[in-house]
Amino acid sequence: MIRKAFDVAVDAHKEMRRKSGEPYIYHPIAVARICAEEMGLGPTAIVCALLHDTVEDTHITLEDIEDLFGLRVRSIIDGLTKIPEVFDENASVQAENFRKMVLTISDDIRVVIIKLADRLHNMRTLGSMRPDKQMKIASETKFLYAPLAHRLGLYSVKSELEDLALRYTEPSIYLDIERKLKSTKDARNRFIRKFVQPIKESLTKEGYDFEIKARTKSISSIWRKMSTKGVPFEEVFDLFAIRIILDTPLIQEKPDCWRVYSIVTDFYQPSPDRLRDWISTPRANGYESLHTTVMSNSGKWVEVQIRSKRMDEIAEKGLAAHYKYKESKTNETKFDRWIGEIRDLLSNPDANAMDFIEEFKLNLFNDEIYIFTPKGDLRVLPTGATILDFAYDIHTQIGDTCIGAKVNNRLVPLSYQLQSGDQVDIITSSKQKPNEEWLKFVVTARARQKIKSSLNEELKRIAMDGKEILDRKFRQHNLRYVSENISVLERYFKVPSATELYFRIAKGKIDLTKLREIENVNGILQPEKPKSTRKKSKEIYSKVDKKEDTIVIGDDFK
């Protein structure tokens, strides 16, 4: 099937060339290689990567794709075709396009992963574009695609996208850090060899099957640290991390990783504040690893990451590996739960695209905290989450009726910010209802969407009462209940919509006694007539000498 897709793509793109002048077919081939080699995707995704531009740019139709490759390939190609390559200049259109792309997560995740591969190759070849296009695409990549890759567990893709974006948005900074990394490479390698030597010897002696890698920080993450801490390159001490990867059976992963941690800390003193156990509590995107920071013999802090081969593949290849290693289709992971939350966000037909993109990006960037229910179940929330976020994470009804909580047996208000390790018992009341103030207390997209949905329902309910009040008033004044009359009232009372008109009537904010002031002709209200301009015209003409043969156009002309 891959060979057939290759032949179809070659034939479809045979007359086309890229901006660089090279044959266009090089691009889909490169995207397919990224999907296979760097993301670990299977044959279906590779076929779709080869064909991803055929429907949009050539004579090939979706029906042709279905006839040749089946319904699933057609569906993925259709999803890819619906996402514009370069987003519109208009912010709201751009937001809606990104929303469409994220929508495909809940349908077939491969659409988004192939799109990321497509963007990665376009960034690698961005040099052939105009400078203004480079800046636009690079900025878009930094703020939308890189965090999405991070959320999907594609860390190497995320790092490269950020680096390439920095290269075009801040070229002097990028080149300066790149030069300094190259000039310090030999000294760094000597330090690493000396640091890992005793660990290697001990692990070999203990009989572990292992691999040790040294990972240098990406240029963008070095620049981020320089910016946030206000330090020069020379004072960024954690330029690299040591990664110990164990080839060990699934059942032995956790105990083996902790044994290796014990071996590492026998040689080097750990920082108690820098231990991160993502094996016991994996991150929402499936990431598992044991991180510690230790003091080397020369007085430098060094980050050490300990993980199994399975964990490393998930960390490197994200979703593809996540589903490869998933034990069963019924075994829901936290990543599957996150996908479910995306579905919830998108299920609201009234959702505003700009709100969605801001909330989605907010949740992409946030770190996580771990909160316990009264029964000891673990929930993962973003840093800064409050009682309300937790309540809505449990269930919409619990969120809507939440009046407070007990955190570690202490009463706290709705706005209380949770800390990792807190145990939370939500207190509810059937009389409680969401209000607009709640939007100030939440950080999760799920909670915001549920609160807005409840507020909209309440607004619609109150508006229905207002509509009935208006209907009675219309009958009293012998007015017909038609759209023309509603439109006249919207303009007269200066409200943006019929729903808002009804809502204000129900709340007593509109005085319906004023209906008698509006002209009524056979049950139809008459729009206000524009104020007469006769007086103004007289004033203008009075300025003109009647003896002059003059055409008067306006005040400023004579």
Foldseek 3Di string as FASTA:
>chain_A
DLVVLLVVLCVFQVVPADLVRHRPQVLLQQLLCCCCPQQPDDDLLSSLSSCLCRCVPGPDHLVNCCVVPNDVSSVLSVLSNQQDLQFDPDPLRSLVSLLSNLVCLLPDVSSLVSSLSSLLVCLVVVVSDDLVVLLRSLVCLLQRVLLVCVLLLQPVSSLSSPLSSCCSNPVVLSVVLVVVCVVCVVVVVVVVCVLCVQLVVVCVVVPWDKDKDKAFHRSNVLVVCCVVVVHDSVPPQARIAIEIETADDPVCWVVVQVVSVVSSCVQWPWDPVAWDACQVPPDLQRQGWTWIWTAHPVGGIHIYIYGYPLNVSCNNNGPNSCVVPDPDPPDDGSNNVVSVLSCVLPVDPPDRSVLVVVQVSLQSPFDWAWEAEPVGDIDIDGFQAFQLQVQVVVPLVSSQFFQWWQWVNRTDGRLHGDHHPIYIYTDGDPPGGADPVVCVRGRHSSSNSSSVVRVVVVLQVLLVVLVVVVVVLLVVVVADPDPQQLVLVCVVVVHDDSSVVSNCSSVVNDDCVCVVVFDADNRGTDHDDPDDCVVVVVVQVVVDDPVDPDDDDDDVGD
